[in-house]
C-alpha atoms as a PDB file:
ATOM      1  CA  MET A   1      29.432 -47.218 109.892  1.00  0.00           C
ATOM      2  CA  GLN A   2      28.230 -45.432 113.038  1.00  0.00           C
ATOM      3  CA  LEU A   3      27.482 -41.731 112.677  1.00  0.00           C
ATOM      4  CA  LEU A   4      25.805 -39.772 115.459  1.00  0.00           C
ATOM      5  CA  ASN A   5      23.432 -42.295 117.109  1.00  0.00           C
ATOM      6  CA  THR A   6      22.416 -44.143 113.940  1.00  0.00           C
ATOM      7  CA  LEU A   7      24.137 -47.273 112.665  1.00  0.00           C
ATOM      8  CA  TYR A   8      23.910 -47.660 108.877  1.00  0.00           C
ATOM      9  CA  VAL A   9      24.617 -51.199 107.650  1.00  0.00           C
ATOM     10  CA  THR A  10      25.453 -51.127 103.938  1.00  0.00           C
ATOM     11  CA  LEU A  11      27.604 -54.263 103.610  1.00  0.00           C
ATOM     12  CA  PRO A  12      25.723 -56.873 101.541  1.00  0.00           C
ATOM     13  CA  ASP A  13      25.118 -60.255 103.212  1.00  0.00           C
ATOM     14  CA  SER A  14      26.206 -59.015 106.622  1.00  0.00           C
ATOM     15  CA  HIS A  15      24.621 -60.382 109.811  1.00  0.00           C
ATOM     16  CA  LEU A  16      23.740 -58.536 113.025  1.00  0.00           C
ATOM     17  CA  ARG A  17      23.564 -60.390 116.314  1.00  0.00           C
ATOM     18  CA  LEU A  18      23.345 -59.657 120.029  1.00  0.00           C
ATOM     19  CA  ASP A  19      26.511 -60.126 122.072  1.00  0.00           C
ATOM     20  CA  ASN A  20      25.643 -59.325 125.721  1.00  0.00           C
ATOM     21  CA  ASP A  21      25.044 -55.540 125.683  1.00  0.00           C
ATOM     22  CA  THR A  22      26.693 -55.098 122.311  1.00  0.00           C
ATOM     23  CA  LEU A  23      25.589 -55.301 118.691  1.00  0.00           C
ATOM     24  CA  ARG A  24      28.016 -57.357 116.631  1.00  0.00           C
ATOM     25  CA  LEU A  25      28.241 -57.112 112.834  1.00  0.00           C
ATOM     26  CA  LEU A  26      29.626 -60.130 110.998  1.00  0.00           C
ATOM     27  CA  VAL A  27      30.365 -60.901 107.354  1.00  0.00           C
ATOM     28  CA  GLY A  28      30.664 -64.647 107.147  1.00  0.00           C
ATOM     29  CA  GLU A  29      32.536 -65.619 110.319  1.00  0.00           C
ATOM     30  CA  GLU A  30      34.494 -62.363 110.506  1.00  0.00           C
ATOM     31  CA  THR A  31      33.488 -59.711 113.056  1.00  0.00           C
ATOM     32  CA  ARG A  32      33.623 -56.300 111.388  1.00  0.00           C
ATOM     33  CA  LEU A  33      32.140 -54.091 114.089  1.00  0.00           C
ATOM     34  CA  ARG A  34      30.987 -54.050 117.711  1.00  0.00           C
ATOM     35  CA  VAL A  35      28.794 -51.239 119.052  1.00  0.00           C
ATOM     36  CA  PRO A  36      27.488 -50.883 122.628  1.00  0.00           C
ATOM     37  CA  LEU A  37      23.699 -50.744 122.449  1.00  0.00           C
ATOM     38  CA  HIS A  38      23.472 -47.692 124.692  1.00  0.00           C
ATOM     39  CA  HIS A  39      25.220 -45.702 121.928  1.00  0.00           C
ATOM     40  CA  LEU A  40      22.432 -46.404 119.429  1.00  0.00           C
ATOM     41  CA  GLY A  41      19.094 -44.799 118.687  1.00  0.00           C
ATOM     42  CA  THR A  42      18.406 -46.409 115.309  1.00  0.00           C
ATOM     43  CA  VAL A  43      19.814 -49.261 113.203  1.00  0.00           C
ATOM     44  CA  VAL A  44      19.246 -48.881 109.432  1.00  0.00           C
ATOM     45  CA  CYS A  45      19.920 -51.890 107.160  1.00  0.00           C
ATOM     46  CA  PHE A  46      20.262 -51.590 103.393  1.00  0.00           C
ATOM     47  CA  GLY A  47      19.591 -54.603 101.188  1.00  0.00           C
ATOM     48  CA  PRO A  48      20.343 -58.243 102.144  1.00  0.00           C
ATOM     49  CA  VAL A  49      21.263 -57.842 105.825  1.00  0.00           C
ATOM     50  CA  SER A  50      20.092 -60.448 108.341  1.00  0.00           C
ATOM     51  CA  VAL A  51      19.269 -59.715 111.983  1.00  0.00           C
ATOM     52  CA  SER A  52      19.016 -62.285 114.762  1.00  0.00           C
ATOM     53  CA  VAL A  53      15.741 -62.624 116.663  1.00  0.00           C
ATOM     54  CA  PRO A  54      17.416 -62.070 120.090  1.00  0.00           C
ATOM     55  CA  LEU A  55      18.832 -58.792 118.795  1.00  0.00           C
ATOM     56  CA  MET A  56      15.391 -57.730 117.519  1.00  0.00           C
ATOM     57  CA  HIS A  57      13.916 -58.372 120.974  1.00  0.00           C
ATOM     58  CA  ARG A  58      16.682 -56.390 122.691  1.00  0.00           C
ATOM     59  CA  LEU A  59      16.373 -53.462 120.301  1.00  0.00           C
ATOM     60  CA  ALA A  60      12.632 -53.329 120.946  1.00  0.00           C
ATOM     61  CA  ASP A  61      13.156 -53.520 124.724  1.00  0.00           C
ATOM     62  CA  ASP A  62      15.728 -50.696 124.622  1.00  0.00           C
ATOM     63  CA  GLY A  63      13.641 -48.419 122.397  1.00  0.00           C
ATOM     64  CA  ILE A  64      16.065 -48.692 119.471  1.00  0.00           C
ATOM     65  CA  ALA A  65      14.341 -48.642 116.072  1.00  0.00           C
ATOM     66  CA  LEU A  66      15.315 -51.198 113.430  1.00  0.00           C
ATOM     67  CA  VAL A  67      14.689 -49.928 109.876  1.00  0.00           C
ATOM     68  CA  LEU A  68      14.885 -52.184 106.814  1.00  0.00           C
ATOM     69  CA  LEU A  69      15.436 -50.595 103.387  1.00  0.00           C
ATOM     70  CA  ASP A  70      16.028 -52.292 100.067  1.00  0.00           C
ATOM     71  CA  ALA A  71      19.301 -51.857  98.181  1.00  0.00           C
ATOM     72  CA  SER A  72      18.101 -48.628  96.546  1.00  0.00           C
ATOM     73  CA  GLY A  73      17.005 -47.129  99.876  1.00  0.00           C
ATOM     74  CA  ARG A  74      13.269 -47.746  99.527  1.00  0.00           C
ATOM     75  CA  PHE A  75      11.511 -48.304 102.851  1.00  0.00           C
ATOM     76  CA  LYS A  76      10.510 -51.898 103.589  1.00  0.00           C
ATOM     77  CA  ALA A  77       9.802 -52.202 107.317  1.00  0.00           C
ATOM     78  CA  ARG A  78      10.414 -50.728 110.748  1.00  0.00           C
ATOM     79  CA  LEU A  79      10.518 -52.601 114.062  1.00  0.00           C
ATOM     80  CA  GLU A  80       9.839 -50.696 117.261  1.00  0.00           C
ATOM     81  CA  GLY A  81       8.864 -51.357 120.830  1.00  0.00           C
ATOM     82  CA  ALA A  82       5.713 -50.198 122.596  1.00  0.00           C
ATOM     83  CA  THR A  83       4.183 -46.938 121.403  1.00  0.00           C
ATOM     84  CA  SER A  84       4.993 -43.978 123.603  1.00  0.00           C
ATOM     85  CA  GLY A  85       4.137 -40.306 123.407  1.00  0.00           C
ATOM     86  CA  ASN A  86       1.395 -37.977 124.548  1.00  0.00           C
ATOM     87  CA  VAL A  87      -1.975 -39.627 123.923  1.00  0.00           C
ATOM     88  CA  LEU A  88      -3.716 -36.234 124.097  1.00  0.00           C
ATOM     89  CA  LEU A  89      -1.468 -34.917 121.326  1.00  0.00           C
ATOM     90  CA  ARG A  90      -2.292 -37.928 119.172  1.00  0.00           C
ATOM     91  CA  CYS A  91      -6.006 -37.437 119.811  1.00  0.00           C
ATOM     92  CA  ALA A  92      -5.670 -33.806 118.703  1.00  0.00           C
ATOM     93  CA  GLN A  93      -3.727 -34.928 115.652  1.00  0.00           C
ATOM     94  CA  HIS A  94      -6.383 -37.434 114.622  1.00  0.00           C
ATOM     95  CA  SER A  95      -9.100 -34.827 115.169  1.00  0.00           C
ATOM     96  CA  THR A  96      -7.404 -32.063 113.180  1.00  0.00           C
ATOM     97  CA  SER A  97      -6.567 -34.454 110.337  1.00  0.00           C
ATOM     98  CA  ARG A  98     -10.328 -34.901 109.838  1.00  0.00           C
ATOM     99  CA  ASP A  99     -10.914 -31.128 109.853  1.00  0.00           C
ATOM    100  CA  PRO A 100     -10.821 -30.075 106.162  1.00  0.00           C
ATOM    101  CA  SER A 101     -10.072 -26.441 106.982  1.00  0.00           C
ATOM    102  CA  PHE A 102      -7.184 -27.246 109.337  1.00  0.00           C
ATOM    103  CA  ALA A 103      -5.701 -29.831 106.967  1.00  0.00           C
ATOM    104  CA  LEU A 104      -5.908 -27.410 104.034  1.00  0.00           C
ATOM    105  CA  ARG A 105      -4.155 -24.584 105.911  1.00  0.00           C
ATOM    106  CA  LEU A 106      -1.357 -26.849 107.099  1.00  0.00           C
ATOM    107  CA  ALA A 107      -0.932 -28.447 103.668  1.00  0.00           C
ATOM    108  CA  ARG A 108      -0.596 -24.997 102.086  1.00  0.00           C
ATOM    109  CA  ARG A 109       2.126 -24.070 104.589  1.00  0.00           C
ATOM    110  CA  ILE A 110       4.039 -27.301 103.953  1.00  0.00           C
ATOM    111  CA  VAL A 111       3.957 -26.849 100.173  1.00  0.00           C
ATOM    112  CA  ALA A 112       4.848 -23.151 100.494  1.00  0.00           C
ATOM    113  CA  GLY A 113       7.940 -24.115 102.472  1.00  0.00           C
ATOM    114  CA  LYS A 114       8.934 -26.718  99.905  1.00  0.00           C
ATOM    115  CA  LEU A 115       8.510 -24.305  96.980  1.00  0.00           C
ATOM    116  CA  ARG A 116      10.500 -21.626  98.768  1.00  0.00           C
ATOM    117  CA  ASN A 117      13.376 -24.041  99.326  1.00  0.00           C
ATOM    118  CA  GLN A 118      13.235 -25.247  95.719  1.00  0.00           C
ATOM    119  CA  ARG A 119      13.427 -21.626  94.547  1.00  0.00           C
ATOM    120  CA  HIS A 120      16.435 -21.140  96.817  1.00  0.00           C
ATOM    121  CA  VAL A 121      18.234 -24.030  95.095  1.00  0.00           C
ATOM    122  CA  LEU A 122      17.486 -22.641  91.625  1.00  0.00           C
ATOM    123  CA  LEU A 123      18.313 -19.005  92.419  1.00  0.00           C
ATOM    124  CA  ARG A 124      21.582 -19.973  94.068  1.00  0.00           C
ATOM    125  CA  GLY A 125      22.435 -22.016  90.998  1.00  0.00           C
ATOM    126  CA  ALA A 126      21.526 -19.121  88.706  1.00  0.00           C
ATOM    127  CA  ARG A 127      23.761 -16.799  90.706  1.00  0.00           C
ATOM    128  CA  ASP A 128      26.706 -19.179  90.400  1.00  0.00           C
ATOM    129  CA  ALA A 129      26.080 -20.235  86.778  1.00  0.00           C
ATOM    130  CA  LYS A 130      28.890 -19.486  84.337  1.00  0.00           C
ATOM    131  CA  ASP A 131      26.756 -20.061  81.239  1.00  0.00           C
ATOM    132  CA  GLU A 132      24.208 -17.375  80.353  1.00  0.00           C
ATOM    133  CA  ALA A 133      21.701 -19.907  78.959  1.00  0.00           C
ATOM    134  CA  ASP A 134      21.821 -21.878  82.209  1.00  0.00           C
ATOM    135  CA  ARG A 135      21.313 -18.675  84.172  1.00  0.00           C
ATOM    136  CA  ARG A 136      18.261 -17.721  82.110  1.00  0.00           C
ATOM    137  CA  ASN A 137      16.690 -21.181  82.388  1.00  0.00           C
ATOM    138  CA  LEU A 138      17.220 -21.374  86.130  1.00  0.00           C
ATOM    139  CA  THR A 139      15.881 -17.857  86.657  1.00  0.00           C
ATOM    140  CA  ARG A 140      12.802 -18.639  84.560  1.00  0.00           C
ATOM    141  CA  ALA A 141      12.158 -21.832  86.511  1.00  0.00           C
ATOM    142  CA  ALA A 142      12.476 -19.912  89.785  1.00  0.00           C
ATOM    143  CA  GLN A 143       9.940 -17.386  88.502  1.00  0.00           C
ATOM    144  CA  ASN A 144       7.548 -20.227  87.679  1.00  0.00           C
ATOM    145  CA  LEU A 145       7.906 -21.508  91.237  1.00  0.00           C
ATOM    146  CA  ALA A 146       7.146 -18.013  92.528  1.00  0.00           C
ATOM    147  CA  ALA A 147       3.953 -18.078  90.455  1.00  0.00           C
ATOM    148  CA  SER A 148       3.069 -21.422  92.029  1.00  0.00           C
ATOM    149  CA  GLN A 149       3.618 -19.907  95.474  1.00  0.00           C
ATOM    150  CA  ARG A 150       1.236 -17.067  94.609  1.00  0.00           C
ATOM    151  CA  ALA A 151      -1.363 -19.603  93.463  1.00  0.00           C
ATOM    152  CA  LEU A 152      -1.352 -21.511  96.764  1.00  0.00           C
ATOM    153  CA  PRO A 153      -3.696 -19.182  98.732  1.00  0.00           C
ATOM    154  CA  GLU A 154      -6.326 -19.680  96.020  1.00  0.00           C
ATOM    155  CA  ALA A 155      -6.081 -23.488  96.195  1.00  0.00           C
ATOM    156  CA  GLY A 156      -9.347 -24.271  97.945  1.00  0.00           C
ATOM    157  CA  THR A 157      -8.994 -28.033  98.367  1.00  0.00           C
ATOM    158  CA  LEU A 158      -6.257 -30.498  99.224  1.00  0.00           C
ATOM    159  CA  ASP A 159      -6.373 -31.827  95.667  1.00  0.00           C
ATOM    160  CA  ALA A 160      -5.854 -28.286  94.373  1.00  0.00           C
ATOM    161  CA  VAL A 161      -2.837 -27.850  96.687  1.00  0.00           C
ATOM    162  CA  ARG A 162      -1.424 -31.148  95.449  1.00  0.00           C
ATOM    163  CA  GLY A 163      -1.994 -29.986  91.884  1.00  0.00           C
ATOM    164  CA  VAL A 164      -0.011 -26.792  92.483  1.00  0.00           C
ATOM    165  CA  GLU A 165       2.773 -28.809  94.106  1.00  0.00           C
ATOM    166  CA  GLY A 166       2.829 -31.324  91.244  1.00  0.00           C
ATOM    167  CA  GLU A 167       3.066 -28.681  88.530  1.00  0.00           C
ATOM    168  CA  ALA A 168       5.810 -26.879  90.455  1.00  0.00           C
ATOM    169  CA  ALA A 169       7.713 -30.157  90.836  1.00  0.00           C
ATOM    170  CA  ARG A 170       7.640 -30.744  87.065  1.00  0.00           C
ATOM    171  CA  ASN A 171       9.066 -27.280  86.419  1.00  0.00           C
ATOM    172  CA  TYR A 172      11.670 -27.691  89.131  1.00  0.00           C
ATOM    173  CA  PHE A 173      12.997 -31.089  88.059  1.00  0.00           C
ATOM    174  CA  ALA A 174      13.100 -29.974  84.434  1.00  0.00           C
ATOM    175  CA  ALA A 175      15.518 -27.224  85.507  1.00  0.00           C
ATOM    176  CA  LEU A 176      17.836 -29.386  87.643  1.00  0.00           C
ATOM    177  CA  ASN A 177      19.896 -30.434  84.611  1.00  0.00           C
ATOM    178  CA  HIS A 178      21.149 -26.846  84.410  1.00  0.00           C
ATOM    179  CA  LEU A 179      22.767 -27.310  87.838  1.00  0.00           C
ATOM    180  CA  VAL A 180      24.840 -30.289  86.674  1.00  0.00           C
ATOM    181  CA  ARG A 181      28.299 -29.594  85.228  1.00  0.00           C
ATOM    182  CA  PRO A 182      28.017 -29.396  81.419  1.00  0.00           C
ATOM    183  CA  ASP A 183      30.555 -32.196  80.921  1.00  0.00           C
ATOM    184  CA  LEU A 184      28.503 -34.501  83.183  1.00  0.00           C
ATOM    185  CA  ARG A 185      24.994 -33.846  81.852  1.00  0.00           C
ATOM    186  CA  GLU A 186      24.947 -36.714  79.403  1.00  0.00           C
ATOM    187  CA  ARG A 187      25.640 -39.153  82.222  1.00  0.00           C
ATOM    188  CA  TYR A 188      23.645 -37.505  85.014  1.00  0.00           C
ATOM    189  CA  GLY A 189      20.860 -35.683  83.207  1.00  0.00           C
ATOM    190  CA  MET A 190      17.234 -36.459  84.058  1.00  0.00           C
ATOM    191  CA  GLU A 191      14.110 -35.948  81.971  1.00  0.00           C
ATOM    192  CA  ALA A 192      11.742 -36.068  84.939  1.00  0.00           C
ATOM    193  CA  ARG A 193      11.460 -37.474  88.429  1.00  0.00           C
ATOM    194  CA  SER A 194      11.082 -41.266  88.302  1.00  0.00           C
ATOM    195  CA  ARG A 195      10.626 -43.714  91.187  1.00  0.00           C
ATOM    196  CA  ARG A 196      10.027 -47.367  91.861  1.00  0.00           C
ATOM    197  CA  PRO A 197      12.361 -47.917  90.162  1.00  0.00           C
ATOM    198  CA  PRO A 198      14.557 -44.895  89.376  1.00  0.00           C
ATOM    199  CA  ARG A 199      15.267 -44.719  85.639  1.00  0.00           C
ATOM    200  CA  ASP A 200      18.537 -42.787  85.614  1.00  0.00           C
ATOM    201  CA  ARG A 201      21.531 -42.047  87.819  1.00  0.00           C
ATOM    202  CA  MET A 202      20.272 -38.752  89.203  1.00  0.00           C
ATOM    203  CA  ASN A 203      16.942 -40.295  90.180  1.00  0.00           C
ATOM    204  CA  ALA A 204      18.726 -43.233  91.816  1.00  0.00           C
ATOM    205  CA  LEU A 205      20.792 -40.841  93.925  1.00  0.00           C
ATOM    206  CA  LEU A 206      17.788 -38.679  94.827  1.00  0.00           C
ATOM    207  CA  SER A 207      15.702 -41.694  95.859  1.00  0.00           C
ATOM    208  CA  PHE A 208      18.469 -42.911  98.131  1.00  0.00           C
ATOM    209  CA  LEU A 209      18.874 -39.524  99.819  1.00  0.00           C
ATOM    210  CA  TYR A 210      15.101 -39.052 100.161  1.00  0.00           C
ATOM    211  CA  SER A 211      14.835 -42.400 101.930  1.00  0.00           C
ATOM    212  CA  MET A 212      17.315 -41.282 104.584  1.00  0.00           C
ATOM    213  CA  TRP A 213      15.528 -37.963 105.128  1.00  0.00           C
ATOM    214  CA  MET A 214      12.278 -39.922 105.368  1.00  0.00           C
ATOM    215  CA  ASN A 215      13.700 -42.111 108.132  1.00  0.00           C
ATOM    216  CA  ASP A 216      14.853 -39.026 110.065  1.00  0.00           C
ATOM    217  CA  CYS A 217      11.482 -37.305 109.662  1.00  0.00           C
ATOM    218  CA  ARG A 218       9.591 -40.373 110.828  1.00  0.00           C
ATOM    219  CA  SER A 219      11.860 -40.656 113.868  1.00  0.00           C
ATOM    220  CA  ALA A 220      11.313 -36.953 114.597  1.00  0.00           C
ATOM    221  CA  CYS A 221       7.528 -37.402 114.536  1.00  0.00           C
ATOM    222  CA  GLU A 222       7.729 -40.327 116.932  1.00  0.00           C
ATOM    223  CA  ALA A 223      10.164 -38.525 119.244  1.00  0.00           C
ATOM    224  CA  CYS A 224       7.612 -35.703 119.607  1.00  0.00           C
ATOM    225  CA  GLY A 225       4.736 -38.069 120.338  1.00  0.00           C
ATOM    226  CA  LEU A 226       3.066 -37.591 116.936  1.00  0.00           C
ATOM    227  CA  ASP A 227       1.565 -40.438 114.930  1.00  0.00           C
ATOM    228  CA  PRO A 228       3.682 -40.647 111.753  1.00  0.00           C
ATOM    229  CA  GLN A 229       0.829 -42.402 109.895  1.00  0.00           C
ATOM    230  CA  VAL A 230      -1.656 -39.527 110.166  1.00  0.00           C
ATOM    231  CA  GLY A 231      -0.801 -36.650 107.854  1.00  0.00           C
ATOM    232  CA  TYR A 232      -2.440 -33.651 106.239  1.00  0.00           C
ATOM    233  CA  LEU A 233      -0.992 -33.084 102.759  1.00  0.00           C
ATOM    234  CA  HIS A 234      -0.503 -36.779 101.962  1.00  0.00           C
ATOM    235  CA  ALA A 235      -3.606 -38.941 101.855  1.00  0.00           C
ATOM    236  CA  LEU A 236      -3.983 -41.687 104.437  1.00  0.00           C
ATOM    237  CA  ARG A 237      -3.119 -45.147 103.138  1.00  0.00           C
ATOM    238  CA  PRO A 238      -2.329 -48.389 104.958  1.00  0.00           C
ATOM    239  CA  GLY A 239       1.400 -48.606 105.598  1.00  0.00           C
ATOM    240  CA  ARG A 240       2.125 -45.006 104.540  1.00  0.00           C
ATOM    241  CA  ALA A 241       3.809 -42.685 107.045  1.00  0.00           C
ATOM    242  CA  ALA A 242       1.802 -39.711 105.802  1.00  0.00           C
ATOM    243  CA  LEU A 243       2.901 -37.188 108.442  1.00  0.00           C
ATOM    244  CA  ALA A 244       6.577 -38.102 107.977  1.00  0.00           C
ATOM    245  CA  LEU A 245       6.098 -37.546 104.232  1.00  0.00           C
ATOM    246  CA  ASP A 246       4.488 -34.173 104.981  1.00  0.00           C
ATOM    247  CA  LEU A 247       7.422 -33.159 107.138  1.00  0.00           C
ATOM    248  CA  MET A 248       9.962 -34.379 104.593  1.00  0.00           C
ATOM    249  CA  GLU A 249       8.679 -32.146 101.777  1.00  0.00           C
ATOM    250  CA  GLU A 250      10.621 -29.155 103.123  1.00  0.00           C
ATOM    251  CA  PHE A 251      13.846 -31.203 103.210  1.00  0.00           C
ATOM    252  CA  ARG A 252      13.747 -32.634  99.690  1.00  0.00           C
ATOM    253  CA  PRO A 253      15.579 -29.605  98.226  1.00  0.00           C
ATOM    254  CA  LEU A 254      18.396 -30.240 100.720  1.00  0.00           C
ATOM    255  CA  ALA A 255      18.732 -33.754  99.316  1.00  0.00           C
ATOM    256  CA  ASP A 256      18.671 -32.330  95.783  1.00  0.00           C
ATOM    257  CA  ARG A 257      21.481 -29.914  96.576  1.00  0.00           C
ATOM    258  CA  LEU A 258      23.594 -32.649  98.170  1.00  0.00           C
ATOM    259  CA  ALA A 259      23.059 -34.910  95.144  1.00  0.00           C
ATOM    260  CA  LEU A 260      24.240 -32.123  92.833  1.00  0.00           C
ATOM    261  CA  THR A 261      27.284 -31.499  95.017  1.00  0.00           C
ATOM    262  CA  LEU A 262      28.254 -35.179  94.994  1.00  0.00           C
ATOM    263  CA  ILE A 263      27.931 -35.321  91.207  1.00  0.00           C
ATOM    264  CA  ASN A 264      29.641 -32.040  90.381  1.00  0.00           C
ATOM    265  CA  ARG A 265      32.576 -32.788  92.688  1.00  0.00           C
ATOM    266  CA  LEU A 266      32.944 -36.285  91.229  1.00  0.00           C
ATOM    267  CA  GLN A 267      32.330 -37.875  94.628  1.00  0.00           C
ATOM    268  CA  VAL A 268      30.090 -40.465  92.979  1.00  0.00           C
ATOM    269  CA  ALA A 269      31.912 -42.466  90.302  1.00  0.00           C
ATOM    270  CA  ASP A 270      30.423 -43.773  87.062  1.00  0.00           C
ATOM    271  CA  GLY A 271      30.741 -47.322  88.357  1.00  0.00           C
ATOM    272  CA  ALA A 272      28.629 -46.484  91.404  1.00  0.00           C
ATOM    273  CA  PHE A 273      25.407 -47.389  89.596  1.00  0.00           C
ATOM    274  CA  ASP A 274      23.927 -50.729  88.586  1.00  0.00           C
ATOM    275  CA  GLU A 275      21.894 -50.353  85.393  1.00  0.00           C
ATOM    276  CA  ARG A 276      19.561 -53.345  85.168  1.00  0.00           C
ATOM    277  CA  GLU A 277      17.392 -54.835  82.468  1.00  0.00           C
ATOM    278  CA  GLY A 278      14.088 -53.040  82.202  1.00  0.00           C
ATOM    279  CA  GLY A 279      15.668 -49.626  82.849  1.00  0.00           C
ATOM    280  CA  ALA A 280      16.058 -49.651  86.630  1.00  0.00           C
ATOM    281  CA  VAL A 281      19.145 -47.857  87.967  1.00  0.00           C
ATOM    282  CA  LEU A 282      20.351 -48.543  91.517  1.00  0.00           C
ATOM    283  CA  LEU A 283      23.177 -47.214  93.672  1.00  0.00           C
ATOM    284  CA  GLN A 284      25.908 -49.780  94.361  1.00  0.00           C
ATOM    285  CA  GLY A 285      27.189 -50.848  97.798  1.00  0.00           C
ATOM    286  CA  ASP A 286      30.416 -48.822  98.091  1.00  0.00           C
ATOM    287  CA  ALA A 287      28.709 -45.777  96.640  1.00  0.00           C
ATOM    288  CA  ARG A 288      25.888 -46.107  99.176  1.00  0.00           C
ATOM    289  CA  LYS A 289      28.468 -45.931 101.943  1.00  0.00           C
ATOM    290  CA  ALA A 290      30.023 -42.769 100.465  1.00  0.00           C
ATOM    291  CA  VAL A 291      26.611 -41.113 100.132  1.00  0.00           C
ATOM    292  CA  VAL A 292      25.677 -42.022 103.724  1.00  0.00           C
ATOM    293  CA  VAL A 293      28.922 -40.457 104.980  1.00  0.00           C
ATOM    294  CA  ALA A 294      28.284 -37.266 102.984  1.00  0.00           C
ATOM    295  CA  PHE A 295      24.679 -37.151 104.234  1.00  0.00           C
ATOM    296  CA  GLN A 296      25.713 -37.448 107.870  1.00  0.00           C
ATOM    297  CA  GLU A 297      28.484 -34.888 107.482  1.00  0.00           C
ATOM    298  CA  ARG A 298      25.983 -32.455 105.991  1.00  0.00           C
ATOM    299  CA  LYS A 299      23.609 -33.051 108.905  1.00  0.00           C
ATOM    300  CA  GLN A 300      26.278 -31.937 111.354  1.00  0.00           C
ATOM    301  CA  GLU A 301      26.650 -28.526 109.704  1.00  0.00           C
ATOM    302  CA  PRO A 302      25.219 -25.709 111.840  1.00  0.00           C
ATOM    303  CA  LEU A 303      22.578 -23.346 110.500  1.00  0.00           C
ATOM    304  CA  THR A 304      20.561 -20.495 111.914  1.00  0.00           C
ATOM    305  CA  HIS A 305      16.944 -21.526 112.314  1.00  0.00           C
ATOM    306  CA  ALA A 306      14.715 -18.587 111.366  1.00  0.00           C
ATOM    307  CA  LEU A 307      12.299 -19.114 114.254  1.00  0.00           C
ATOM    308  CA  LEU A 308      14.790 -20.065 116.963  1.00  0.00           C
ATOM    309  CA  ALA A 309      17.309 -17.402 115.907  1.00  0.00           C
ATOM    310  CA  GLU A 310      20.162 -19.647 116.985  1.00  0.00           C
ATOM    311  CA  ASN A 311      22.482 -22.178 115.416  1.00  0.00           C
ATOM    312  CA  VAL A 312      21.381 -25.803 115.386  1.00  0.00           C
ATOM    313  CA  PRO A 313      22.852 -28.780 113.496  1.00  0.00           C
ATOM    314  CA  LEU A 314      20.929 -29.488 110.320  1.00  0.00           C
ATOM    315  CA  GLY A 315      20.293 -33.038 111.540  1.00  0.00           C
ATOM    316  CA  LEU A 316      18.180 -31.700 114.436  1.00  0.00           C
ATOM    317  CA  VAL A 317      15.949 -29.531 112.249  1.00  0.00           C
ATOM    318  CA  PRO A 318      13.404 -32.327 111.535  1.00  0.00           C
ATOM    319  CA  LEU A 319      12.933 -32.651 115.306  1.00  0.00           C
ATOM    320  CA  VAL A 320      12.455 -28.880 115.611  1.00  0.00           C
ATOM    321  CA  GLN A 321       9.887 -28.896 112.793  1.00  0.00           C
ATOM    322  CA  ALA A 322       8.039 -31.866 114.262  1.00  0.00           C
ATOM    323  CA  ARG A 323       7.745 -29.981 117.548  1.00  0.00           C
ATOM    324  CA  LEU A 324       6.371 -26.975 115.665  1.00  0.00           C
ATOM    325  CA  VAL A 325       3.777 -29.238 114.036  1.00  0.00           C
ATOM    326  CA  ALA A 326       2.847 -30.537 117.492  1.00  0.00           C
ATOM    327  CA  ARG A 327       2.424 -26.982 118.828  1.00  0.00           C
ATOM    328  CA  HIS A 328       0.136 -26.115 115.932  1.00  0.00           C
ATOM    329  CA  VAL A 329      -1.897 -29.312 116.337  1.00  0.00           C
ATOM    330  CA  ARG A 330      -2.369 -28.598 120.053  1.00  0.00           C
ATOM    331  CA  GLY A 331      -3.575 -25.074 119.254  1.00  0.00           C
ATOM    332  CA  GLU A 332      -0.565 -23.381 120.860  1.00  0.00           C
ATOM    333  CA  ALA A 333       0.476 -21.722 117.578  1.00  0.00           C
ATOM    334  CA  ALA A 334      -1.875 -20.200 115.011  1.00  0.00           C
ATOM    335  CA  GLU A 335       0.230 -21.314 112.035  1.00  0.00           C
ATOM    336  CA  TYR A 336       2.949 -23.834 111.274  1.00  0.00           C
ATOM    337  CA  PRO A 337       6.224 -22.144 110.238  1.00  0.00           C
ATOM    338  CA  PRO A 338       7.948 -24.315 107.585  1.00  0.00           C
ATOM    339  CA  PHE A 339      11.726 -24.721 107.484  1.00  0.00           C
ATOM    340  CA  ALA A 340      13.479 -22.190 105.253  1.00  0.00           C
ATOM    341  CA  MET A 341      16.848 -22.887 103.628  1.00  0.00           C
ATOM    342  CA  ARG A 342      19.444 -20.116 103.785  1.00  0.00           C
END
């Protein structure tokens, strides 16, 4: 399906090939889709999708990113053309990433934004809760997150900031069950956040949504000339897009809220999940397509950005935030203002 300028390929065993100036999608010998290349900014493939070498070359030449994810949405690889962007910005980024004081201040701001957005999810749920016990549990969890926010200024090292964030995450995910409809909690409840692989249906859905936000945040970093590998909160590791992970932290609660909406409105069926031996739970093909559609529809919703004081589509907010990171890195802004849900 093509939504905005990103093509998501979710059909198993499909094949992408170049046809003049057009991308053609085939399943077997049947052509399912043709898309002019000038309409595309990114091609995202889930699971066993093959791509012809001529198409890879053309995508690289045209500056169109090719992203490969596994069936559960976990990142596998990304193919891009020559690196572009402002070399002076990247030099400043590399320099500030090695400055412990700068990295600590920025990491605190990123985590503060994430905790604020998590509190927003819980407080909104408490306000709408029909059951008094759910309301109390959600309110208590939100108060714990507020305590974590107050502890952030005293976190004197990056490890201390990560510790505050980790403890807050445990409290937050423990409360998410109270946002699931009571009649669905047995099927969609979660004991804790689990990854690689997800161990329950909620975690499978969250991992899939996080992977799509991650792709958007990485693209936003690159569009602004930032190096997505060099972050501040997340430690540098080979192959890890640390800055994209930093940027994504503020958007995780948006994915959480969408997952809850899909579950509570029965937009994800029981048969949407593949429960495998060993405990892994993965989202099935048709369900992946439905979640992608819901994700893209949500990204088109307008919101008022607190700093810009004007409406922008949610899908453009990662680009706005990446530009704000770039301004801070260049020394044009004293602090980085994290994204705030409303």
